[in-house]
Amino acid sequence: MTLRFLNAAEAELFEAAAYYELQVQHLGENFLSIIEEAVGEIVESPKMYPEIENGIRRRLVRRFPYSVLYGLHNAEIVIVAIMHQKQKPRYWLERLS
């Protein structure tokens, strides 16, 4: 399967990493590593994580209050959002159209 990030999801990823890096040196790098690890697990077993809505699956990440939201389309994994667990939980739905 191929992997693709929506532009908005990629922007969320780097905005969150920048925020954490401003809080504590190297914390942003740690955040990126943990997200990379989660995405790698998604690629290995894309159907392992629960479907939450409209064909979108959620992979919770460790240590940070974030989830990787993704959909499966043909032979492609599409990362829809790098979602903070405490902020606007359904904002990403508009990205599905």
PDB file of N, CA and C in Angstrom:
ATOM      1  N   MET A   1       0.840  -1.189   0.000  1.00  0.00           N
ATOM      2  CA  MET A   1       0.000   0.000   0.000  1.00  0.00           C
ATOM      3  C   MET A   1       0.878   1.243   0.000  1.00  0.00           C
ATOM      4  N   THR A   2       0.385   2.244  -0.687  1.00  0.00           N
ATOM      5  CA  THR A   2       1.081   3.528  -0.659  1.00  0.00           C
ATOM      6  C   THR A   2       0.508   4.382   0.461  1.00  0.00           C
ATOM      7  N   LEU A   3       1.254   5.395   0.819  1.00  0.00           N
ATOM      8  CA  LEU A   3       0.878   6.273   1.930  1.00  0.00           C
ATOM      9  C   LEU A   3       0.867   7.705   1.421  1.00  0.00           C
ATOM     10  N   ARG A   4      -0.190   8.432   1.828  1.00  0.00           N
ATOM     11  CA  ARG A   4      -0.293   9.841   1.442  1.00  0.00           C
ATOM     12  C   ARG A   4      -0.892  10.635   2.595  1.00  0.00           C
ATOM     13  N   PHE A   5      -0.313  11.782   2.888  1.00  0.00           N
ATOM     14  CA  PHE A   5      -0.851  12.716   3.873  1.00  0.00           C
ATOM     15  C   PHE A   5      -1.638  13.782   3.126  1.00  0.00           C
ATOM     16  N   LEU A   6      -2.840  14.099   3.586  1.00  0.00           N
ATOM     17  CA  LEU A   6      -3.504  15.291   3.086  1.00  0.00           C
ATOM     18  C   LEU A   6      -2.666  16.490   3.517  1.00  0.00           C
ATOM     19  N   ASN A   7      -2.671  17.540   2.721  1.00  0.00           N
ATOM     20  CA  ASN A   7      -1.877  18.728   3.058  1.00  0.00           C
ATOM     21  C   ASN A   7      -2.219  19.257   4.438  1.00  0.00           C
ATOM     22  N   ALA A   8      -3.503  19.268   4.773  1.00  0.00           N
ATOM     23  CA  ALA A   8      -3.936  19.781   6.077  1.00  0.00           C
ATOM     24  C   ALA A   8      -3.394  18.919   7.212  1.00  0.00           C
ATOM     25  N   ALA A   9      -3.336  17.612   7.018  1.00  0.00           N
ATOM     26  CA  ALA A   9      -2.802  16.713   8.047  1.00  0.00           C
ATOM     27  C   ALA A   9      -1.304  16.922   8.222  1.00  0.00           C
ATOM     28  N   GLU A  10      -0.610  17.110   7.119  1.00  0.00           N
ATOM     29  CA  GLU A  10       0.826  17.355   7.196  1.00  0.00           C
ATOM     30  C   GLU A  10       1.103  18.682   7.919  1.00  0.00           C
ATOM     31  N   ALA A  11       0.287  19.688   7.634  1.00  0.00           N
ATOM     32  CA  ALA A  11       0.447  20.980   8.319  1.00  0.00           C
ATOM     33  C   ALA A  11       0.206  20.830   9.816  1.00  0.00           C
ATOM     34  N   GLU A  12      -0.823  20.059  10.192  1.00  0.00           N
ATOM     35  CA  GLU A  12      -1.092  19.814  11.617  1.00  0.00           C
ATOM     36  C   GLU A  12       0.088  19.142  12.298  1.00  0.00           C
ATOM     37  N   LEU A  13       0.675  18.186  11.619  1.00  0.00           N
ATOM     38  CA  LEU A  13       1.816  17.458  12.168  1.00  0.00           C
ATOM     39  C   LEU A  13       2.956  18.413  12.498  1.00  0.00           C
ATOM     40  N   PHE A  14       3.316  19.253  11.548  1.00  0.00           N
ATOM     41  CA  PHE A  14       4.456  20.140  11.755  1.00  0.00           C
ATOM     42  C   PHE A  14       4.131  21.293  12.702  1.00  0.00           C
ATOM     43  N   GLU A  15       2.885  21.744  12.729  1.00  0.00           N
ATOM     44  CA  GLU A  15       2.493  22.782  13.697  1.00  0.00           C
ATOM     45  C   GLU A  15       2.590  22.242  15.122  1.00  0.00           C
ATOM     46  N   ALA A  16       2.121  21.024  15.335  1.00  0.00           N
ATOM     47  CA  ALA A  16       2.190  20.417  16.671  1.00  0.00           C
ATOM     48  C   ALA A  16       3.644  20.199  17.083  1.00  0.00           C
ATOM     49  N   ALA A  17       4.459  19.719  16.156  1.00  0.00           N
ATOM     50  CA  ALA A  17       5.879  19.496  16.470  1.00  0.00           C
ATOM     51  C   ALA A  17       6.562  20.814  16.830  1.00  0.00           C
ATOM     52  N   ALA A  18       6.257  21.868  16.102  1.00  0.00           N
ATOM     53  CA  ALA A  18       6.853  23.175  16.391  1.00  0.00           C
ATOM     54  C   ALA A  18       6.410  23.672  17.768  1.00  0.00           C
ATOM     55  N   TYR A  19       5.142  23.480  18.078  1.00  0.00           N
ATOM     56  CA  TYR A  19       4.637  23.888  19.397  1.00  0.00           C
ATOM     57  C   TYR A  19       5.393  23.158  20.510  1.00  0.00           C
ATOM     58  N   TYR A  20       5.511  21.836  20.391  1.00  0.00           N
ATOM     59  CA  TYR A  20       6.199  21.069  21.434  1.00  0.00           C
ATOM     60  C   TYR A  20       7.679  21.437  21.525  1.00  0.00           C
ATOM     61  N   GLU A  21       8.285  21.732  20.393  1.00  0.00           N
ATOM     62  CA  GLU A  21       9.701  22.105  20.402  1.00  0.00           C
ATOM     63  C   GLU A  21       9.907  23.430  21.144  1.00  0.00           C
ATOM     64  N   LEU A  22       8.943  24.329  21.041  1.00  0.00           N
ATOM     65  CA  LEU A  22       9.025  25.599  21.781  1.00  0.00           C
ATOM     66  C   LEU A  22       8.865  25.393  23.286  1.00  0.00           C
ATOM     67  N   GLN A  23       8.150  24.341  23.659  1.00  0.00           N
ATOM     68  CA  GLN A  23       7.929  24.078  25.083  1.00  0.00           C
ATOM     69  C   GLN A  23       9.176  23.506  25.739  1.00  0.00           C
ATOM     70  N   VAL A  24       9.752  22.512  25.103  1.00  0.00           N
ATOM     71  CA  VAL A  24      10.931  21.828  25.645  1.00  0.00           C
ATOM     72  C   VAL A  24      11.804  21.392  24.462  1.00  0.00           C
ATOM     73  N   GLN A  25      13.076  21.683  24.547  1.00  0.00           N
ATOM     74  CA  GLN A  25      13.995  21.293  23.480  1.00  0.00           C
ATOM     75  C   GLN A  25      13.921  19.791  23.243  1.00  0.00           C
ATOM     76  N   HIS A  26      13.823  19.411  21.983  1.00  0.00           N
ATOM     77  CA  HIS A  26      13.773  18.032  21.497  1.00  0.00           C
ATOM     78  C   HIS A  26      12.403  17.354  21.676  1.00  0.00           C
ATOM     79  N   LEU A  27      11.463  18.026  22.332  1.00  0.00           N
ATOM     80  CA  LEU A  27      10.137  17.415  22.490  1.00  0.00           C
ATOM     81  C   LEU A  27       9.407  17.349  21.152  1.00  0.00           C
ATOM     82  N   GLY A  28       9.615  18.345  20.299  1.00  0.00           N
ATOM     83  CA  GLY A  28       9.025  18.314  18.961  1.00  0.00           C
ATOM     84  C   GLY A  28       9.575  17.156  18.138  1.00  0.00           C
ATOM     85  N   GLU A  29      10.860  16.925  18.256  1.00  0.00           N
ATOM     86  CA  GLU A  29      11.482  15.789  17.562  1.00  0.00           C
ATOM     87  C   GLU A  29      10.909  14.475  18.078  1.00  0.00           C
ATOM     88  N   ASN A  30      10.719  14.396  19.388  1.00  0.00           N
ATOM     89  CA  ASN A  30      10.136  13.197  19.986  1.00  0.00           C
ATOM     90  C   ASN A  30       8.713  12.974  19.478  1.00  0.00           C
ATOM     91  N   PHE A  31       7.941  14.044  19.386  1.00  0.00           N
ATOM     92  CA  PHE A  31       6.585  13.963  18.855  1.00  0.00           C
ATOM     93  C   PHE A  31       6.598  13.402  17.430  1.00  0.00           C
ATOM     94  N   LEU A  32       7.478  13.945  16.586  1.00  0.00           N
ATOM     95  CA  LEU A  32       7.569  13.455  15.204  1.00  0.00           C
ATOM     96  C   LEU A  32       7.947  11.978  15.155  1.00  0.00           C
ATOM     97  N   SER A  33       8.851  11.555  16.009  1.00  0.00           N
ATOM     98  CA  SER A  33       9.255  10.140  16.054  1.00  0.00           C
ATOM     99  C   SER A  33       8.094   9.234  16.438  1.00  0.00           C
ATOM    100  N   ILE A  34       7.321   9.675  17.413  1.00  0.00           N
ATOM    101  CA  ILE A  34       6.187   8.867  17.867  1.00  0.00           C
ATOM    102  C   ILE A  34       5.118   8.790  16.791  1.00  0.00           C
ATOM    103  N   ILE A  35       4.878   9.893  16.087  1.00  0.00           N
ATOM    104  CA  ILE A  35       3.912   9.867  14.984  1.00  0.00           C
ATOM    105  C   ILE A  35       4.428   8.960  13.866  1.00  0.00           C
ATOM    106  N   GLU A  36       5.703   9.055  13.562  1.00  0.00           N
ATOM    107  CA  GLU A  36       6.301   8.201  12.524  1.00  0.00           C
ATOM    108  C   GLU A  36       6.142   6.724  12.888  1.00  0.00           C
ATOM    109  N   GLU A  37       6.365   6.404  14.139  1.00  0.00           N
ATOM    110  CA  GLU A  37       6.193   5.025  14.609  1.00  0.00           C
ATOM    111  C   GLU A  37       4.735   4.569  14.434  1.00  0.00           C
ATOM    112  N   ALA A  38       3.798   5.426  14.804  1.00  0.00           N
ATOM    113  CA  ALA A  38       2.370   5.096  14.667  1.00  0.00           C
ATOM    114  C   ALA A  38       1.996   4.887  13.201  1.00  0.00           C
ATOM    115  N   VAL A  39       2.493   5.760  12.332  1.00  0.00           N
ATOM    116  CA  VAL A  39       2.192   5.629  10.903  1.00  0.00           C
ATOM    117  C   VAL A  39       2.798   4.335  10.356  1.00  0.00           C
ATOM    118  N   GLY A  40       3.995   3.982  10.813  1.00  0.00           N
ATOM    119  CA  GLY A  40       4.609   2.717  10.390  1.00  0.00           C
ATOM    120  C   GLY A  40       3.756   1.515  10.779  1.00  0.00           C
ATOM    121  N   GLU A  41       3.174   1.568  11.975  1.00  0.00           N
ATOM    122  CA  GLU A  41       2.292   0.479  12.413  1.00  0.00           C
ATOM    123  C   GLU A  41       1.009   0.438  11.588  1.00  0.00           C
ATOM    124  N   ILE A  42       0.520   1.600  11.203  1.00  0.00           N
ATOM    125  CA  ILE A  42      -0.657   1.655  10.333  1.00  0.00           C
ATOM    126  C   ILE A  42      -0.348   1.002   8.990  1.00  0.00           C
ATOM    127  N   VAL A  43       0.811   1.311   8.430  1.00  0.00           N
ATOM    128  CA  VAL A  43       1.205   0.731   7.139  1.00  0.00           C
ATOM    129  C   VAL A  43       1.324  -0.786   7.245  1.00  0.00           C
ATOM    130  N   GLU A  44       1.871  -1.280   8.350  1.00  0.00           N
ATOM    131  CA  GLU A  44       2.028  -2.726   8.544  1.00  0.00           C
ATOM    132  C   GLU A  44       0.690  -3.441   8.673  1.00  0.00           C
ATOM    133  N   SER A  45      -0.269  -2.834   9.375  1.00  0.00           N
ATOM    134  CA  SER A  45      -1.573  -3.468   9.623  1.00  0.00           C
ATOM    135  C   SER A  45      -2.680  -2.423   9.526  1.00  0.00           C
ATOM    136  N   PRO A  46      -3.024  -1.999   8.324  1.00  0.00           N
ATOM    137  CA  PRO A  46      -3.967  -0.882   8.181  1.00  0.00           C
ATOM    138  C   PRO A  46      -5.378  -1.146   8.708  1.00  0.00           C
ATOM    139  N   LYS A  47      -5.784  -2.389   8.779  1.00  0.00           N
ATOM    140  CA  LYS A  47      -7.141  -2.682   9.253  1.00  0.00           C
ATOM    141  C   LYS A  47      -7.201  -3.000  10.747  1.00  0.00           C
ATOM    142  N   MET A  48      -6.075  -2.878  11.423  1.00  0.00           N
ATOM    143  CA  MET A  48      -6.004  -3.235  12.830  1.00  0.00           C
ATOM    144  C   MET A  48      -6.725  -2.231  13.739  1.00  0.00           C
ATOM    145  N   TYR A  49      -6.743  -0.985  13.342  1.00  0.00           N
ATOM    146  CA  TYR A  49      -7.268   0.060  14.214  1.00  0.00           C
ATOM    147  C   TYR A  49      -8.744   0.310  13.922  1.00  0.00           C
ATOM    148  N   PRO A  50      -9.498   0.738  14.934  1.00  0.00           N
ATOM    149  CA  PRO A  50     -10.949   0.814  14.791  1.00  0.00           C
ATOM    150  C   PRO A  50     -11.415   1.919  13.841  1.00  0.00           C
ATOM    151  N   GLU A  51     -12.469   1.582  13.131  1.00  0.00           N
ATOM    152  CA  GLU A  51     -13.131   2.569  12.292  1.00  0.00           C
ATOM    153  C   GLU A  51     -14.015   3.416  13.196  1.00  0.00           C
ATOM    154  N   ILE A  52     -13.911   4.735  13.065  1.00  0.00           N
ATOM    155  CA  ILE A  52     -14.686   5.603  13.948  1.00  0.00           C
ATOM    156  C   ILE A  52     -15.857   6.279  13.242  1.00  0.00           C
ATOM    157  N   GLU A  53     -15.702   6.578  11.950  1.00  0.00           N
ATOM    158  CA  GLU A  53     -16.777   7.259  11.239  1.00  0.00           C
ATOM    159  C   GLU A  53     -16.431   7.378   9.758  1.00  0.00           C
ATOM    160  N   ASN A  54     -17.419   7.146   8.909  1.00  0.00           N
ATOM    161  CA  ASN A  54     -17.263   7.337   7.456  1.00  0.00           C
ATOM    162  C   ASN A  54     -16.020   6.661   6.871  1.00  0.00           C
ATOM    163  N   GLY A  55     -15.694   5.471   7.340  1.00  0.00           N
ATOM    164  CA  GLY A  55     -14.542   4.746   6.819  1.00  0.00           C
ATOM    165  C   GLY A  55     -13.202   5.229   7.348  1.00  0.00           C
ATOM    166  N   ILE A  56     -13.203   6.132   8.297  1.00  0.00           N
ATOM    167  CA  ILE A  56     -11.963   6.663   8.868  1.00  0.00           C
ATOM    168  C   ILE A  56     -11.609   5.861  10.113  1.00  0.00           C
ATOM    169  N   ARG A  57     -10.347   5.504  10.207  1.00  0.00           N
ATOM    170  CA  ARG A  57      -9.833   4.735  11.342  1.00  0.00           C
ATOM    171  C   ARG A  57      -8.965   5.635  12.216  1.00  0.00           C
ATOM    172  N   ARG A  58      -8.841   5.251  13.483  1.00  0.00           N
ATOM    173  CA  ARG A  58      -8.077   6.058  14.435  1.00  0.00           C
ATOM    174  C   ARG A  58      -7.001   5.215  15.104  1.00  0.00           C
ATOM    175  N   ARG A  59      -5.795   5.739  15.070  1.00  0.00           N
ATOM    176  CA  ARG A  59      -4.663   5.135  15.782  1.00  0.00           C
ATOM    177  C   ARG A  59      -4.219   6.144  16.843  1.00  0.00           C
ATOM    178  N   LEU A  60      -4.486   5.827  18.108  1.00  0.00           N
ATOM    179  CA  LEU A  60      -4.027   6.674  19.204  1.00  0.00           C
ATOM    180  C   LEU A  60      -2.508   6.591  19.285  1.00  0.00           C
ATOM    181  N   VAL A  61      -1.867   7.681  19.693  1.00  0.00           N
ATOM    182  CA  VAL A  61      -0.414   7.639  19.856  1.00  0.00           C
ATOM    183  C   VAL A  61      -0.073   7.694  21.334  1.00  0.00           C
ATOM    184  N   ARG A  62       1.078   7.174  21.673  1.00  0.00           N
ATOM    185  CA  ARG A  62       1.502   7.175  23.072  1.00  0.00           C
ATOM    186  C   ARG A  62       2.122   8.515  23.430  1.00  0.00           C
ATOM    187  N   ARG A  63       2.088   8.837  24.694  1.00  0.00           N
ATOM    188  CA  ARG A  63       2.736   9.994  25.309  1.00  0.00           C
ATOM    189  C   ARG A  63       2.106  11.341  24.989  1.00  0.00           C
ATOM    190  N   PHE A  64       1.488  11.511  23.840  1.00  0.00           N
ATOM    191  CA  PHE A  64       0.894  12.784  23.448  1.00  0.00           C
ATOM    192  C   PHE A  64      -0.612  12.587  23.234  1.00  0.00           C
ATOM    193  N   PRO A  65      -1.409  13.637  23.461  1.00  0.00           N
ATOM    194  CA  PRO A  65      -2.863  13.502  23.306  1.00  0.00           C
ATOM    195  C   PRO A  65      -3.315  13.650  21.849  1.00  0.00           C
ATOM    196  N   TYR A  66      -2.756  12.823  20.986  1.00  0.00           N
ATOM    197  CA  TYR A  66      -3.043  12.905  19.556  1.00  0.00           C
ATOM    198  C   TYR A  66      -3.464  11.552  19.006  1.00  0.00           C
ATOM    199  N   SER A  67      -4.164  11.624  17.878  1.00  0.00           N
ATOM    200  CA  SER A  67      -4.533  10.436  17.108  1.00  0.00           C
ATOM    201  C   SER A  67      -4.159  10.669  15.657  1.00  0.00           C
ATOM    202  N   VAL A  68      -3.821   9.587  14.973  1.00  0.00           N
ATOM    203  CA  VAL A  68      -3.652   9.632  13.528  1.00  0.00           C
ATOM    204  C   VAL A  68      -4.952   9.097  12.941  1.00  0.00           C
ATOM    205  N   LEU A  69      -5.625   9.923  12.159  1.00  0.00           N
ATOM    206  CA  LEU A  69      -6.862   9.506  11.502  1.00  0.00           C
ATOM    207  C   LEU A  69      -6.543   9.225  10.051  1.00  0.00           C
ATOM    208  N   TYR A  70      -7.023   8.089   9.561  1.00  0.00           N
ATOM    209  CA  TYR A  70      -6.687   7.690   8.195  1.00  0.00           C
ATOM    210  C   TYR A  70      -7.807   6.881   7.569  1.00  0.00           C
ATOM    211  N   GLY A  71      -7.801   6.881   6.261  1.00  0.00           N
ATOM    212  CA  GLY A  71      -8.751   6.079   5.511  1.00  0.00           C
ATOM    213  C   GLY A  71      -8.014   5.189   4.538  1.00  0.00           C
ATOM    214  N   LEU A  72      -8.695   4.153   4.108  1.00  0.00           N
ATOM    215  CA  LEU A  72      -8.139   3.222   3.125  1.00  0.00           C
ATOM    216  C   LEU A  72      -8.915   3.418   1.834  1.00  0.00           C
ATOM    217  N   HIS A  73      -8.204   3.686   0.775  1.00  0.00           N
ATOM    218  CA  HIS A  73      -8.838   3.906  -0.523  1.00  0.00           C
ATOM    219  C   HIS A  73      -8.058   3.127  -1.568  1.00  0.00           C
ATOM    220  N   ASN A  74      -8.685   2.053  -2.071  1.00  0.00           N
ATOM    221  CA  ASN A  74      -8.015   1.135  -2.990  1.00  0.00           C
ATOM    222  C   ASN A  74      -6.729   0.641  -2.348  1.00  0.00           C
ATOM    223  N   ALA A  75      -5.581   0.921  -2.943  1.00  0.00           N
ATOM    224  CA  ALA A  75      -4.311   0.453  -2.383  1.00  0.00           C
ATOM    225  C   ALA A  75      -3.547   1.596  -1.731  1.00  0.00           C
ATOM    226  N   GLU A  76      -4.279   2.546  -1.175  1.00  0.00           N
ATOM    227  CA  GLU A  76      -3.639   3.719  -0.592  1.00  0.00           C
ATOM    228  C   GLU A  76      -4.156   3.974   0.823  1.00  0.00           C
ATOM    229  N   ILE A  77      -3.238   4.339   1.698  1.00  0.00           N
ATOM    230  CA  ILE A  77      -3.584   4.805   3.046  1.00  0.00           C
ATOM    231  C   ILE A  77      -3.491   6.321   2.991  1.00  0.00           C
ATOM    232  N   VAL A  78      -4.590   6.977   3.345  1.00  0.00           N
ATOM    233  CA  VAL A  78      -4.633   8.442   3.300  1.00  0.00           C
ATOM    234  C   VAL A  78      -4.733   8.961   4.730  1.00  0.00           C
ATOM    235  N   ILE A  79      -3.710   9.675   5.176  1.00  0.00           N
ATOM    236  CA  ILE A  79      -3.729  10.290   6.496  1.00  0.00           C
ATOM    237  C   ILE A  79      -4.572  11.563   6.381  1.00  0.00           C
ATOM    238  N   VAL A  80      -5.686  11.573   7.090  1.00  0.00           N
ATOM    239  CA  VAL A  80      -6.650  12.666   7.011  1.00  0.00           C
ATOM    240  C   VAL A  80      -6.344  13.746   8.045  1.00  0.00           C
ATOM    241  N   ALA A  81      -5.897  13.345   9.233  1.00  0.00           N
ATOM    242  CA  ALA A  81      -5.648  14.328  10.290  1.00  0.00           C
ATOM    243  C   ALA A  81      -4.661  13.779  11.318  1.00  0.00           C
ATOM    244  N   ILE A  82      -3.921  14.691  11.892  1.00  0.00           N
ATOM    245  CA  ILE A  82      -3.139  14.436  13.102  1.00  0.00           C
ATOM    246  C   ILE A  82      -3.896  15.234  14.160  1.00  0.00           C
ATOM    247  N   MET A  83      -4.822  14.566  14.825  1.00  0.00           N
ATOM    248  CA  MET A  83      -5.841  15.231  15.619  1.00  0.00           C
ATOM    249  C   MET A  83      -5.511  15.271  17.101  1.00  0.00           C
ATOM    250  N   HIS A  84      -5.586  16.468  17.671  1.00  0.00           N
ATOM    251  CA  HIS A  84      -5.466  16.620  19.117  1.00  0.00           C
ATOM    252  C   HIS A  84      -6.751  16.079  19.726  1.00  0.00           C
ATOM    253  N   GLN A  85      -6.638  15.242  20.733  1.00  0.00           N
ATOM    254  CA  GLN A  85      -7.787  14.558  21.331  1.00  0.00           C
ATOM    255  C   GLN A  85      -8.775  15.491  22.040  1.00  0.00           C
ATOM    256  N   LYS A  86      -8.339  16.673  22.427  1.00  0.00           N
ATOM    257  CA  LYS A  86      -9.188  17.554  23.233  1.00  0.00           C
ATOM    258  C   LYS A  86      -9.735  18.743  22.458  1.00  0.00           C
ATOM    259  N   GLN A  87      -9.522  18.800  21.160  1.00  0.00           N
ATOM    260  CA  GLN A  87      -9.937  19.968  20.392  1.00  0.00           C
ATOM    261  C   GLN A  87     -10.823  19.570  19.216  1.00  0.00           C
ATOM    262  N   LYS A  88     -11.994  20.119  19.116  1.00  0.00           N
ATOM    263  CA  LYS A  88     -12.894  19.953  17.970  1.00  0.00           C
ATOM    264  C   LYS A  88     -12.839  18.544  17.367  1.00  0.00           C
ATOM    265  N   PRO A  89     -13.408  17.574  17.996  1.00  0.00           N
ATOM    266  CA  PRO A  89     -13.217  16.188  17.587  1.00  0.00           C
ATOM    267  C   PRO A  89     -13.701  15.811  16.184  1.00  0.00           C
ATOM    268  N   ARG A  90     -14.601  16.564  15.575  1.00  0.00           N
ATOM    269  CA  ARG A  90     -15.098  16.153  14.252  1.00  0.00           C
ATOM    270  C   ARG A  90     -14.743  17.147  13.145  1.00  0.00           C
ATOM    271  N   TYR A  91     -13.802  18.031  13.382  1.00  0.00           N
ATOM    272  CA  TYR A  91     -13.453  19.052  12.407  1.00  0.00           C
ATOM    273  C   TYR A  91     -12.964  18.464  11.077  1.00  0.00           C
ATOM    274  N   TRP A  92     -12.368  17.324  11.122  1.00  0.00           N
ATOM    275  CA  TRP A  92     -11.750  16.695   9.960  1.00  0.00           C
ATOM    276  C   TRP A  92     -12.761  16.159   8.954  1.00  0.00           C
ATOM    277  N   LEU A  93     -14.035  16.043   9.339  1.00  0.00           N
ATOM    278  CA  LEU A  93     -15.042  15.503   8.428  1.00  0.00           C
ATOM    279  C   LEU A  93     -15.128  16.276   7.119  1.00  0.00           C
ATOM    280  N   GLU A  94     -14.914  17.575   7.171  1.00  0.00           N
ATOM    281  CA  GLU A  94     -14.981  18.387   5.955  1.00  0.00           C
ATOM    282  C   GLU A  94     -13.877  18.019   4.957  1.00  0.00           C
ATOM    283  N   ARG A  95     -12.841  17.367   5.400  1.00  0.00           N
ATOM    284  CA  ARG A  95     -11.748  16.959   4.516  1.00  0.00           C
ATOM    285  C   ARG A  95     -12.082  15.750   3.661  1.00  0.00           C
ATOM    286  N   LEU A  96     -13.169  15.089   3.967  1.00  0.00           N
ATOM    287  CA  LEU A  96     -13.520  13.857   3.261  1.00  0.00           C
ATOM    288  C   LEU A  96     -14.194  14.100   1.920  1.00  0.00           C
ATOM    289  N   SER A  97     -14.642  15.307   1.679  1.00  0.00           N
ATOM    290  CA  SER A  97     -15.352  15.553   0.416  1.00  0.00           C
ATOM    291  C   SER A  97     -14.432  15.839  -0.748  1.00  0.00           C
TER     292      SER A  97
END
